[in-house]
């Protein structure tokens, strides 16, 4: 199984917002032709944001040294 690709921080935030406001699977905006589950996309978005925070922290440490 391949991984779902998140393009940007905004993309991750949009996925999280859609997941938190979804009320019906048949009208879910996170449905994809590839068949990704919304809970998987949500988990990917959370991991992306966590990595983004870690990368930003490393970058700021490098620039402040």
Protein backbone atom coordinates (compact mmCIF):
# COMPACT_ATOMS: atom_id res chain seq x y z
CA UNK A 1 0.00 0.00 0.00
CA UNK A 2 1.38 3.40 -0.93
CA UNK A 3 1.18 6.48 1.24
CA UNK A 4 -1.18 9.39 0.79
CA UNK A 5 0.73 12.54 -0.18
CA UNK A 6 -0.06 15.78 1.64
CA UNK A 7 1.10 18.80 -0.34
CA UNK A 8 1.30 21.48 2.32
CA UNK A 9 0.48 22.53 5.84
CA UNK A 10 -2.76 24.09 4.57
CA UNK A 11 -3.72 20.80 2.90
CA UNK A 12 -3.18 18.99 6.22
CA UNK A 13 -5.27 21.56 8.09
CA UNK A 14 -8.06 21.26 5.51
CA UNK A 15 -8.12 17.47 5.92
CA UNK A 16 -8.35 17.80 9.71
CA UNK A 17 -11.15 20.37 9.47
CA UNK A 18 -13.13 18.21 7.03
CA UNK A 19 -12.68 15.13 9.23
CA UNK A 20 -13.82 16.97 12.36
CA UNK A 21 -16.94 18.36 10.66
CA UNK A 22 -17.95 15.29 8.65
CA UNK A 23 -21.30 13.81 9.56
CA UNK A 24 -22.03 11.37 6.77
CA UNK A 25 -19.71 8.99 4.95
CA UNK A 26 -21.71 9.16 1.72
CA UNK A 27 -21.11 12.93 1.49
CA UNK A 28 -17.60 12.93 2.94
CA UNK A 29 -15.29 15.45 1.22
CA UNK A 30 -12.35 13.17 2.02
CA UNK A 31 -13.52 10.38 -0.27
CA UNK A 32 -10.89 9.69 -2.91
CA UNK A 33 -10.97 7.62 -6.10
CA UNK A 34 -8.14 5.56 -4.63
CA UNK A 35 -10.36 4.54 -1.72
CA UNK A 36 -8.42 6.14 1.14
CA UNK A 37 -10.32 6.05 4.43
CA UNK A 38 -10.97 9.42 6.06
CA UNK A 39 -9.45 8.24 9.34
CA UNK A 40 -6.24 7.35 7.48
CA UNK A 41 -6.11 10.77 5.82
CA UNK A 42 -6.68 12.38 9.22
CA UNK A 43 -3.79 10.40 10.72
CA UNK A 44 -1.55 11.36 7.78
CA UNK A 45 -2.44 15.03 8.30
CA UNK A 46 -1.61 14.87 12.01
CA UNK A 47 1.75 13.21 11.26
CA UNK A 48 2.50 15.81 8.57
CA UNK A 49 1.87 18.65 11.04
CA UNK A 50 4.02 16.99 13.69
CA UNK A 51 6.89 16.57 11.21
CA UNK A 52 6.40 20.15 10.04
CA UNK A 53 6.77 21.39 13.63
CA UNK A 54 9.91 19.29 14.12
CA UNK A 55 11.43 20.55 10.86
CA UNK A 56 10.63 24.15 11.80
CA UNK A 57 12.26 23.66 15.20
CA UNK A 58 15.40 22.20 13.60
CA UNK A 59 15.55 25.07 11.12
CA UNK A 60 15.23 27.70 13.83
CA UNK A 61 17.94 25.97 15.89
CA UNK A 62 20.26 25.95 12.87
CA UNK A 63 19.67 29.63 12.11
CA UNK A 64 20.10 30.73 15.72
CA UNK A 65 23.42 28.92 16.17
